[in-house]
Amino acid sequence: MPDTKSFHMSPEEFRRQGHAVVDWIADYMSRVESFPVLSRVQPGEVRSQLPASAPQKGEAFEQVIADVERVILPGITHWQSPNFFAYFPANASGPAILGDLLSSGLGVQGMLWSTSPACTELETHVLDWLVPALGLPEKFLSSSTGGGVIQDTASSASLCALLAARERATHFVSNRRGCDGKLVAYCSTQTHSSVEKAMKISGMGSDNLRLIDVDQSFAMRPELLARQIAADKKSSLIPCFVCATIGTTSSCAIDPVREIARICRDRDLWLHVDSAMSGTAALCPEFRFVHDGVEFADSYTFNPHKWMFTNFDCNCFYVADRKHLIQTLSVLPEYLRNQATESGAVIDYRDWHIQLGRRFRSLKLWFVIRHYGIEGLQHHIREHVRLAQQFVAWVRADSRFELAAPAKLNLVCFRLRSGDQANQKLMDRLNASGDLYLTHTKLDGKLILRFCIGQTNTEARHVERAWQRIQQETALLENS
């Protein structure tokens, strides 16, 4: 019989090329600081270097890696650079990357406990580890009425919380009949845009999302929340959901969760707490003030992929009563039925989120926690906060600048006193230089520069150099 070519990569070639890829990643991590932080390619430039059609015959793997260096790398904005101070950290680490590699190698599809028991049970256990580590209430433990699940992002977690709130408020009727336009939800004017998107996806409608004004620190005003709820009830609407934020995207404002929770309890509204970046800070007891009042929340979420050295994507979502979530999202066709599920003795995480299929994300989180230990994670969080507070001191000491919001953790919001145009020019010049990357927001109608410290390898020298560059460019602007 004629020999047939399998086209597959043999185990021997996989081993050889795998070593080459790991070496490339290690080299990238060691030289990432040398690249311009913000990619300098123009729109369409990456695609212009790619063939118009897919190759008919397979190519050598060495050629593929060479094109990563030649075509892809120039089009990368280097989120892992220690000079990346934009948006929020997405701080990957060696153990997380290796955990993700192992997850890819195992190729698990963990939709049911029975499709890989280890995938489910490790996830449950690691999320239980984080409850006491973060000072979260015991009701979020799997051994209690609630439990945790890994989602892709906080956006998905907020959507699941909203859906569960919708069903609880309608006694699960809206899952069958749809929404009638009477359900109302609440968040602050500073809340992440994912809540508005969730309102659209859930069928509740963005017009039924009430944006509550904030105080001088950009935190939600509970008295205005209570007033709006009362007005909506008077109009025969059905308030059902409130999202409180611990660390808003624009300014890292912390909503008064305890006061908001009291309002929600008195009126039987679901309280969801979004602590996407800032929740990680609670690993340190001195920063656990951020979780004041979370013990009264119906659900809570934070992202290890932002400030806990676990590469994207990895969001932890907790509920106080898992029955509401499961009843909201569970659909069981015949082809998913199995003895373990029928026994009721296992968790099937397919019922805890939108998608059916799921990756073995808990491996990388497990690797990170075991490699660093809580002590190692605390060390880096404390250092990032210390560096942010040092940056605050420099801003305060320079009369050309002002702080635009309280800086309690690792985000500093500041601006030139000379106006929006000067701040825009300063940011554009800094980003174009490639020396650092920072982004902006608007607070009280003013353009604000955001300086977020949280990348894995950011050290004091990077923050000091960034402040020097800010001062240098400011001086050039003043003299231009």
Protein backbone atom coordinates (compact mmCIF):
# COMPACT_ATOMS: atom_id res chain seq x y z
CA MET A 1 0.00 0.00 0.00
CA PRO A 2 1.28 3.53 -0.76
CA ASP A 3 2.53 5.61 2.13
CA THR A 4 0.12 8.34 3.18
CA LYS A 5 1.23 11.64 4.64
CA SER A 6 -0.54 12.54 7.87
CA PHE A 7 0.26 16.28 7.71
CA HIS A 8 0.28 16.31 11.54
CA MET A 9 3.19 17.62 13.57
CA SER A 10 4.95 14.62 15.04
CA PRO A 11 5.64 14.45 18.79
CA GLU A 12 9.35 14.87 18.06
CA GLU A 13 8.81 17.98 15.93
CA PHE A 14 6.34 19.36 18.48
CA ARG A 15 8.95 18.97 21.20
CA ARG A 16 11.60 20.73 19.09
CA GLN A 17 9.35 23.56 17.95
CA GLY A 18 7.78 23.85 21.38
CA HIS A 19 11.20 24.50 22.86
CA ALA A 20 11.76 27.14 20.18
CA VAL A 21 8.46 28.88 20.99
CA VAL A 22 9.17 28.88 24.73
CA ASP A 23 12.62 30.26 24.01
CA TRP A 24 11.06 32.98 21.83
CA ILE A 25 8.60 33.92 24.61
CA ALA A 26 11.40 34.00 27.20
CA ASP A 27 13.48 36.19 24.91
CA TYR A 28 10.49 38.45 24.31
CA MET A 29 9.95 38.86 28.04
CA SER A 30 13.61 39.78 28.50
CA ARG A 31 13.62 42.37 25.68
CA VAL A 32 10.06 43.74 25.87
CA GLU A 33 11.36 46.90 27.52
CA SER A 34 13.33 47.73 24.36
CA PHE A 35 10.25 48.07 22.13
CA PRO A 36 8.11 51.21 21.69
CA VAL A 37 5.24 50.51 24.08
CA LEU A 38 2.52 51.69 21.69
CA SER A 39 2.59 50.02 18.26
CA ARG A 40 3.59 52.39 15.47
CA VAL A 41 2.04 50.57 12.51
CA GLN A 42 -0.56 52.33 10.39
CA PRO A 43 -4.05 50.90 9.71
CA GLY A 44 -3.80 48.03 7.23
CA GLU A 45 -0.02 47.76 7.50
CA VAL A 46 -0.01 44.30 9.09
CA ARG A 47 -2.48 42.88 6.56
CA SER A 48 -0.51 44.34 3.65
CA GLN A 49 2.36 42.05 4.58
CA LEU A 50 0.24 38.89 4.57
CA PRO A 51 -0.49 36.77 1.48
CA ALA A 52 -3.85 37.42 -0.18
CA SER A 53 -4.83 33.74 0.11
CA ALA A 54 -4.05 30.84 2.39
CA PRO A 55 -1.07 28.62 1.42
CA GLN A 56 -1.96 25.53 -0.58
CA LYS A 57 0.91 23.58 0.91
CA GLY A 58 2.08 23.62 4.49
CA GLU A 59 5.05 25.83 5.35
CA ALA A 60 8.03 25.23 7.58
CA PHE A 61 7.37 26.16 11.19
CA GLU A 62 10.59 28.15 11.27
CA GLN A 63 9.14 30.39 8.58
CA VAL A 64 5.98 30.94 10.63
CA ILE A 65 8.01 32.01 13.67
CA ALA A 66 10.13 34.27 11.47
CA ASP A 67 6.95 36.02 10.30
CA VAL A 68 5.87 36.51 13.90
CA GLU A 69 9.04 38.53 14.36
CA ARG A 70 8.82 40.31 11.01
CA VAL A 71 5.07 41.00 10.67
CA ILE A 72 3.33 40.50 13.98
CA LEU A 73 5.72 41.99 16.52
CA PRO A 74 5.70 45.51 15.00
CA GLY A 75 1.89 45.44 15.28
CA ILE A 76 1.92 44.64 18.99
CA THR A 77 1.18 47.20 21.67
CA HIS A 78 3.26 45.77 24.48
CA TRP A 79 0.90 45.23 27.39
CA GLN A 80 3.66 43.32 29.17
CA SER A 81 6.10 46.21 29.01
CA PRO A 82 7.09 47.60 32.41
CA ASN A 83 6.48 51.01 30.80
CA PHE A 84 2.82 50.24 30.08
CA PHE A 85 0.73 52.53 32.32
CA ALA A 86 -2.43 52.70 30.18
CA TYR A 87 -5.96 51.41 30.75
CA PHE A 88 -5.39 48.68 33.36
CA PRO A 89 -2.70 46.03 33.86
CA ALA A 90 -2.94 42.75 32.00
CA ASN A 91 -0.01 41.29 33.84
CA ALA A 92 0.94 37.85 32.60
CA SER A 93 3.62 35.79 34.33
CA GLY A 94 5.75 32.71 33.69
CA PRO A 95 3.64 30.29 35.74
CA ALA A 96 0.41 31.58 34.18
CA ILE A 97 1.76 31.14 30.65
CA LEU A 98 2.90 27.61 31.46
CA GLY A 99 -0.46 26.80 33.02
CA ASP A 100 -2.18 28.04 29.88
CA LEU A 101 0.17 25.95 27.75
CA LEU A 102 -0.71 22.86 29.76
CA SER A 103 -4.41 23.67 29.40
CA SER A 104 -3.99 23.90 25.63
CA GLY A 105 -2.04 20.66 25.56
CA LEU A 106 -4.69 18.76 27.50
CA GLY A 107 -7.39 20.21 25.24
CA VAL A 108 -10.13 19.75 27.83
CA GLN A 109 -13.70 20.83 27.11
CA GLY A 110 -15.02 21.16 30.64
CA MET A 111 -18.72 21.82 30.07
CA LEU A 112 -19.75 19.01 32.44
CA TRP A 113 -18.13 17.45 35.47
CA SER A 114 -18.14 14.15 33.60
CA THR A 115 -16.25 15.57 30.60
CA SER A 116 -13.21 16.08 32.85
CA PRO A 117 -13.76 15.93 36.62
CA ALA A 118 -10.40 17.58 37.37
CA CYS A 119 -11.36 20.65 35.34
CA THR A 120 -14.43 21.25 37.48
CA GLU A 121 -13.07 20.26 40.87
CA LEU A 122 -9.82 22.22 40.58
CA GLU A 123 -11.79 25.31 39.59
CA THR A 124 -14.16 24.95 42.52
CA HIS A 125 -11.28 24.42 44.93
CA VAL A 126 -9.09 27.30 43.70
CA LEU A 127 -12.01 29.72 43.83
CA ASP A 128 -12.72 28.51 47.38
CA TRP A 129 -9.07 29.28 48.23
CA LEU A 130 -9.57 32.89 47.17
CA VAL A 131 -12.59 33.53 49.41
CA PRO A 132 -10.61 33.73 52.69
CA ALA A 133 -7.54 35.07 50.88
CA LEU A 134 -9.54 38.12 49.77
CA GLY A 135 -11.58 38.44 52.95
CA LEU A 136 -14.81 37.60 51.10
CA PRO A 137 -17.88 36.28 52.98
CA GLU A 138 -18.17 32.54 53.56
CA LYS A 139 -21.46 32.42 51.67
CA PHE A 140 -19.38 32.58 48.46
CA LEU A 141 -17.77 29.20 49.30
CA SER A 142 -18.93 26.13 47.41
CA SER A 143 -19.52 24.44 50.76
CA SER A 144 -22.17 27.08 51.50
CA THR A 145 -25.19 28.13 49.42
CA GLY A 146 -23.08 29.93 46.84
CA GLY A 147 -19.84 29.33 45.01
CA GLY A 148 -17.49 30.63 42.37
CA VAL A 149 -16.92 30.08 38.67
CA ILE A 150 -14.31 31.31 36.20
CA GLN A 151 -15.74 33.51 33.46
CA ASP A 152 -13.84 35.09 30.58
CA THR A 153 -14.32 38.70 31.73
CA ALA A 154 -16.17 40.83 34.28
CA SER A 155 -18.49 41.84 31.43
CA SER A 156 -19.79 38.28 31.20
CA ALA A 157 -20.05 38.05 34.98
CA SER A 158 -22.15 41.22 35.13
CA LEU A 159 -24.44 39.87 32.41
CA CYS A 160 -24.95 36.61 34.31
CA ALA A 161 -25.69 38.52 37.50
CA LEU A 162 -28.21 40.72 35.69
CA LEU A 163 -29.93 37.70 34.16
CA ALA A 164 -30.21 36.01 37.55
CA ALA A 165 -31.59 39.23 39.04
CA ARG A 166 -34.10 39.50 36.21
CA GLU A 167 -35.35 35.97 36.79
CA ARG A 168 -35.52 36.31 40.56
CA ALA A 169 -37.60 39.46 40.19
CA THR A 170 -40.02 37.84 37.75
CA HIS A 171 -40.10 34.41 39.45
CA PHE A 172 -38.37 33.02 36.32
CA VAL A 173 -41.25 34.04 34.05
CA SER A 174 -39.17 36.35 31.84
CA ASN A 175 -37.02 33.40 30.74
CA ARG A 176 -40.12 31.97 29.09
CA ARG A 177 -42.13 35.01 28.03
CA GLY A 178 -39.47 37.67 27.60
CA CYS A 179 -39.33 41.10 29.20
CA ASP A 180 -42.23 43.53 29.32
CA GLY A 181 -40.24 46.75 29.69
CA LYS A 182 -40.94 47.20 33.40
CA LEU A 183 -37.70 45.86 34.88
CA VAL A 184 -35.25 48.57 35.94
CA ALA A 185 -31.56 48.40 36.90
CA TYR A 186 -29.19 50.91 38.50
CA CYS A 187 -25.52 51.84 38.45
CA SER A 188 -23.48 55.02 38.77
CA THR A 189 -22.52 57.37 35.96
CA GLN A 190 -18.99 55.96 36.35
CA THR A 191 -19.92 52.29 36.02
CA HIS A 192 -18.26 50.23 33.29
CA SER A 193 -20.04 50.21 29.92
CA SER A 194 -20.51 46.44 30.16
CA VAL A 195 -23.58 46.97 32.34
CA GLU A 196 -25.30 48.97 29.61
CA LYS A 197 -24.39 46.26 27.11
CA ALA A 198 -25.78 43.63 29.48
CA MET A 199 -29.06 45.52 29.63
CA LYS A 200 -29.29 45.35 25.84
CA ILE A 201 -28.36 41.66 25.65
CA SER A 202 -30.72 40.69 28.46
CA GLY A 203 -33.70 42.26 26.74
CA MET A 204 -34.24 44.73 29.57
CA GLY A 205 -33.21 47.65 27.38
CA SER A 206 -30.69 50.43 27.91
CA ASP A 207 -33.51 52.93 28.52
CA ASN A 208 -34.26 51.01 31.71
CA LEU A 209 -30.77 51.48 33.12
CA ARG A 210 -30.73 54.35 35.60
CA LEU A 211 -27.41 56.17 35.93
CA ILE A 212 -27.03 57.49 39.47
CA ASP A 213 -24.94 60.61 39.99
CA VAL A 214 -21.69 60.53 41.96
CA ASP A 215 -20.06 62.57 44.70
CA GLN A 216 -16.81 64.55 44.56
CA SER A 217 -14.78 61.32 44.75
CA PHE A 218 -16.80 59.91 41.80
CA ALA A 219 -18.55 57.29 43.97
CA MET A 220 -22.27 56.58 43.74
CA ARG A 221 -24.54 58.67 45.98
CA PRO A 222 -26.80 56.22 47.87
CA GLU A 223 -29.45 58.81 48.68
CA LEU A 224 -29.95 59.46 44.96
CA LEU A 225 -30.19 55.71 44.36
CA ALA A 226 -32.92 55.38 46.99
CA ARG A 227 -34.77 58.36 45.53
CA GLN A 228 -34.68 56.94 42.00
CA ILE A 229 -35.86 53.51 43.13
CA ALA A 230 -38.82 55.12 44.91
CA ALA A 231 -39.70 57.14 41.81
CA ASP A 232 -39.58 54.06 39.59
CA LYS A 233 -41.79 52.07 41.95
CA LYS A 234 -44.26 54.93 41.98
CA SER A 235 -44.34 54.67 38.18
CA SER A 236 -45.24 50.95 38.46
CA LEU A 237 -41.83 49.82 37.32
CA ILE A 238 -39.94 46.90 38.89
CA PRO A 239 -36.46 47.71 40.26
CA CYS A 240 -34.42 44.51 40.33
CA PHE A 241 -30.65 45.07 40.07
CA VAL A 242 -27.93 47.40 41.32
CA CYS A 243 -24.28 47.28 40.28
CA ALA A 244 -21.83 48.79 42.75
CA THR A 245 -18.23 49.24 41.67
CA ILE A 246 -15.05 48.83 43.66
CA GLY A 247 -12.51 50.69 41.54
CA THR A 248 -14.23 52.38 38.60
CA THR A 249 -12.41 52.33 35.28
CA SER A 250 -12.00 56.08 34.96
CA SER A 251 -10.78 56.96 38.45
CA CYS A 252 -10.74 53.83 40.65
CA ALA A 253 -13.60 55.27 42.71
CA ILE A 254 -15.08 52.96 45.32
CA ASP A 255 -18.86 53.01 45.70
CA PRO A 256 -20.20 52.88 49.28
CA VAL A 257 -21.18 49.22 49.08
CA ARG A 258 -22.43 48.95 52.65
CA GLU A 259 -24.94 51.80 52.24
CA ILE A 260 -25.98 50.58 48.80
CA ALA A 261 -26.46 47.07 50.20
CA ARG A 262 -28.81 48.35 52.89
CA ILE A 263 -30.98 49.97 50.23
CA CYS A 264 -30.98 46.77 48.18
CA ARG A 265 -31.90 44.58 51.17
CA ASP A 266 -34.76 46.84 52.20
CA ARG A 267 -36.20 46.80 48.67
CA ASP A 268 -35.26 43.24 47.62
CA LEU A 269 -32.92 44.22 44.79
CA TRP A 270 -30.04 42.06 43.60
CA LEU A 271 -26.71 43.68 44.48
CA HIS A 272 -23.81 42.88 42.17
CA VAL A 273 -20.32 44.15 43.04
CA ASP A 274 -17.82 44.69 40.22
CA SER A 275 -14.24 44.81 41.51
CA ALA A 276 -12.53 43.95 38.25
CA MET A 277 -9.06 45.34 38.91
CA SER A 278 -9.13 46.54 42.50
CA GLY A 279 -10.38 43.34 44.09
CA THR A 280 -6.90 41.84 43.91
CA ALA A 281 -5.70 44.50 46.38
CA ALA A 282 -7.75 42.78 49.10
CA LEU A 283 -5.15 40.02 49.22
CA CYS A 284 -3.36 42.52 51.49
CA PRO A 285 -5.19 43.01 54.81
CA GLU A 286 -4.41 46.74 54.84
CA PHE A 287 -6.30 47.19 51.55
CA ARG A 288 -9.26 45.05 52.54
CA PHE A 289 -11.28 48.20 53.22
CA VAL A 290 -12.27 47.95 49.55
CA HIS A 291 -14.53 45.02 50.45
CA ASP A 292 -16.48 46.80 53.16
CA GLY A 293 -20.12 45.76 52.73
CA VAL A 294 -19.45 42.99 50.19
CA GLU A 295 -20.78 40.50 52.74
CA PHE A 296 -24.28 41.71 51.77
CA ALA A 297 -23.82 41.30 48.01
CA ASP A 298 -25.70 38.72 45.94
CA SER A 299 -22.79 38.43 43.52
CA TYR A 300 -19.21 39.62 43.23
CA THR A 301 -16.58 39.58 40.51
CA PHE A 302 -12.88 40.39 40.05
CA ASN A 303 -10.26 39.74 37.38
CA PRO A 304 -7.04 37.89 38.23
CA HIS A 305 -6.08 38.70 34.62
CA LYS A 306 -5.74 42.36 35.56
CA TRP A 307 -3.57 42.55 38.65
CA MET A 308 -2.91 39.00 39.82
CA PHE A 309 -0.34 37.86 37.24
CA THR A 310 -2.75 35.48 35.51
CA ASN A 311 -2.78 36.00 31.76
CA PHE A 312 -5.98 36.91 29.97
CA ASP A 313 -8.66 35.65 30.22
CA CYS A 314 -9.58 34.76 33.79
CA ASN A 315 -12.44 36.31 35.76
CA CYS A 316 -13.70 35.03 39.12
CA PHE A 317 -17.46 35.34 39.63
CA TYR A 318 -19.12 34.49 42.94
CA VAL A 319 -22.77 34.16 43.89
CA ALA A 320 -24.33 33.95 47.33
CA ASP A 321 -27.05 31.53 46.20
CA ARG A 322 -26.11 29.38 43.23
CA LYS A 323 -29.67 28.10 42.80
CA HIS A 324 -30.80 31.40 41.26
CA LEU A 325 -27.95 31.39 38.75
CA ILE A 326 -28.33 27.74 37.80
CA GLN A 327 -32.10 27.96 37.40
CA THR A 328 -31.65 31.02 35.21
CA LEU A 329 -29.07 29.52 32.85
CA SER A 330 -29.66 25.76 32.88
CA VAL A 331 -30.86 24.06 29.70
CA LEU A 332 -30.46 20.27 29.64
CA PRO A 333 -30.96 18.57 26.28
CA GLU A 334 -30.87 14.80 26.12
CA TYR A 335 -27.35 14.66 24.67
CA LEU A 336 -25.92 16.28 27.82
CA ARG A 337 -27.65 13.98 30.28
CA ASN A 338 -25.37 11.73 32.30
CA GLN A 339 -25.36 9.81 35.56
CA ALA A 340 -23.15 12.26 37.49
CA THR A 341 -25.39 15.21 36.60
CA GLU A 342 -28.54 13.29 37.47
CA SER A 343 -27.09 12.39 40.88
CA GLY A 344 -26.92 16.08 41.89
CA ALA A 345 -23.56 15.43 43.54
CA VAL A 346 -21.46 17.45 41.09
CA ILE A 347 -21.18 20.94 39.67
CA ASP A 348 -21.76 21.38 35.95
CA TYR A 349 -20.32 24.79 35.20
CA ARG A 350 -22.16 25.00 31.87
CA ASP A 351 -25.09 26.18 34.04
CA TRP A 352 -23.09 29.05 35.53
CA HIS A 353 -22.37 31.12 32.41
CA ILE A 354 -23.55 31.93 28.89
CA GLN A 355 -21.51 29.53 26.77
CA LEU A 356 -21.68 25.76 26.87
CA GLY A 357 -18.03 24.96 26.20
CA ARG A 358 -15.30 26.02 28.59
CA ARG A 359 -11.52 25.89 28.79
CA PHE A 360 -9.42 24.62 31.69
CA ARG A 361 -8.69 28.16 32.93
CA SER A 362 -8.19 27.18 36.57
CA LEU A 363 -4.85 25.53 35.74
CA LYS A 364 -3.11 28.86 35.15
CA LEU A 365 -4.70 30.41 38.24
CA TRP A 366 -3.61 27.38 40.28
CA PHE A 367 -0.07 27.66 38.91
CA VAL A 368 0.09 31.37 39.80
CA ILE A 369 -1.14 30.92 43.37
CA ARG A 370 1.17 27.97 44.00
CA HIS A 371 4.21 29.69 42.45
CA TYR A 372 3.89 33.06 44.19
CA GLY A 373 1.98 32.04 47.29
CA ILE A 374 -0.22 34.66 48.91
CA GLU A 375 2.95 36.23 50.32
CA GLY A 376 4.48 36.77 46.88
CA LEU A 377 1.28 38.24 45.46
CA GLN A 378 1.00 40.60 48.42
CA HIS A 379 4.60 41.74 47.93
CA HIS A 380 3.99 42.90 44.37
CA ILE A 381 0.62 44.52 45.09
CA ARG A 382 2.13 46.51 47.96
CA GLU A 383 5.01 47.62 45.76
CA HIS A 384 2.68 48.77 42.99
CA VAL A 385 0.60 50.79 45.45
CA ARG A 386 3.77 52.25 46.98
CA LEU A 387 4.99 53.35 43.57
CA ALA A 388 1.62 54.93 42.80
CA GLN A 389 1.74 56.89 46.05
CA GLN A 390 5.25 58.06 45.18
CA PHE A 391 3.93 59.28 41.84
CA VAL A 392 1.14 61.12 43.69
CA ALA A 393 3.76 62.90 45.80
CA TRP A 394 5.62 64.03 42.66
CA VAL A 395 2.42 65.36 41.10
CA ARG A 396 1.55 67.29 44.25
CA ALA A 397 5.04 68.80 44.40
CA ASP A 398 4.85 70.16 40.83
CA SER A 399 2.69 73.28 40.63
CA ARG A 400 2.02 72.69 36.92
CA PHE A 401 -0.01 69.59 37.73
CA GLU A 402 -2.99 68.66 39.87
CA LEU A 403 -4.58 65.43 41.05
CA ALA A 404 -7.99 64.84 39.53
CA ALA A 405 -9.29 62.11 41.86
CA PRO A 406 -8.33 60.35 45.09
CA ALA A 407 -5.56 57.79 44.52
CA LYS A 408 -6.20 55.01 47.03
CA LEU A 409 -4.52 52.14 45.20
CA ASN A 410 -2.52 51.86 41.97
CA LEU A 411 -4.24 54.35 39.65
CA VAL A 412 -3.29 58.03 39.62
CA CYS A 413 -5.51 60.51 37.78
CA PHE A 414 -3.74 63.80 37.15
CA ARG A 415 -3.61 66.67 34.68
CA LEU A 416 -1.80 69.81 33.68
CA ARG A 417 -3.55 72.85 35.09
CA SER A 418 -3.18 74.58 31.72
CA GLY A 419 -6.21 72.87 30.14
CA ASP A 420 -7.46 70.02 27.97
CA GLN A 421 -5.47 70.93 24.86
CA ALA A 422 -2.19 70.89 26.77
CA ASN A 423 -3.03 67.53 28.36
CA GLN A 424 -3.94 66.02 25.00
CA LYS A 425 -0.68 67.22 23.47
CA LEU A 426 1.31 65.93 26.43
CA MET A 427 -0.25 62.48 26.20
CA ASP A 428 0.16 62.31 22.43
CA ARG A 429 3.83 63.27 22.61
CA LEU A 430 4.58 60.78 25.36
CA ASN A 431 2.82 57.93 23.58
CA ALA A 432 4.45 58.76 20.23
CA SER A 433 7.87 58.60 21.85
CA GLY A 434 7.47 54.91 22.61
CA ASP A 435 9.01 55.44 26.05
CA LEU A 436 5.75 54.84 27.88
CA TYR A 437 2.04 54.51 27.24
CA LEU A 438 -0.79 56.12 29.20
CA THR A 439 -4.42 56.82 28.42
CA HIS A 440 -7.05 59.37 29.37
CA THR A 441 -10.58 59.77 30.63
CA LYS A 442 -12.93 62.66 31.35
CA LEU A 443 -13.95 63.64 34.86
CA ASP A 444 -16.16 66.65 35.55
CA GLY A 445 -15.91 67.42 31.85
CA LYS A 446 -12.12 67.75 31.93
CA LEU A 447 -9.57 65.61 30.10
CA ILE A 448 -7.63 63.60 32.68
CA LEU A 449 -4.45 61.56 32.30
CA ARG A 450 -4.52 58.09 33.87
CA PHE A 451 -1.31 56.50 35.17
CA CYS A 452 -1.94 52.89 36.19
CA ILE A 453 0.85 50.87 37.83
CA GLY A 454 0.47 47.11 37.85
CA GLN A 455 2.53 45.38 35.20
CA THR A 456 4.48 42.32 36.27
CA ASN A 457 7.98 43.76 35.89
CA THR A 458 7.34 47.44 36.57
CA GLU A 459 9.91 48.70 39.08
CA ALA A 460 10.71 52.01 40.72
CA ARG A 461 13.10 52.95 37.91
CA HIS A 462 10.32 52.68 35.32
CA VAL A 463 8.00 54.95 37.30
CA GLU A 464 10.82 57.42 37.96
CA ARG A 465 11.73 57.47 34.26
CA ALA A 466 8.08 57.98 33.31
CA TRP A 467 7.81 61.02 35.60
CA GLN A 468 11.05 62.40 34.14
CA ARG A 469 9.67 62.02 30.62
CA ILE A 470 6.40 63.69 31.65
CA GLN A 471 8.36 66.64 33.03
CA GLN A 472 10.59 66.84 29.95
CA GLU A 473 7.68 66.89 27.52
CA THR A 474 5.83 69.40 29.68
CA ALA A 475 8.82 71.72 29.54
CA LEU A 476 8.98 71.39 25.75
CA LEU A 477 5.28 72.23 25.50
CA GLU A 478 5.73 75.32 27.64
CA ASN A 479 8.58 76.51 25.43
CA SER A 480 6.91 75.78 22.11
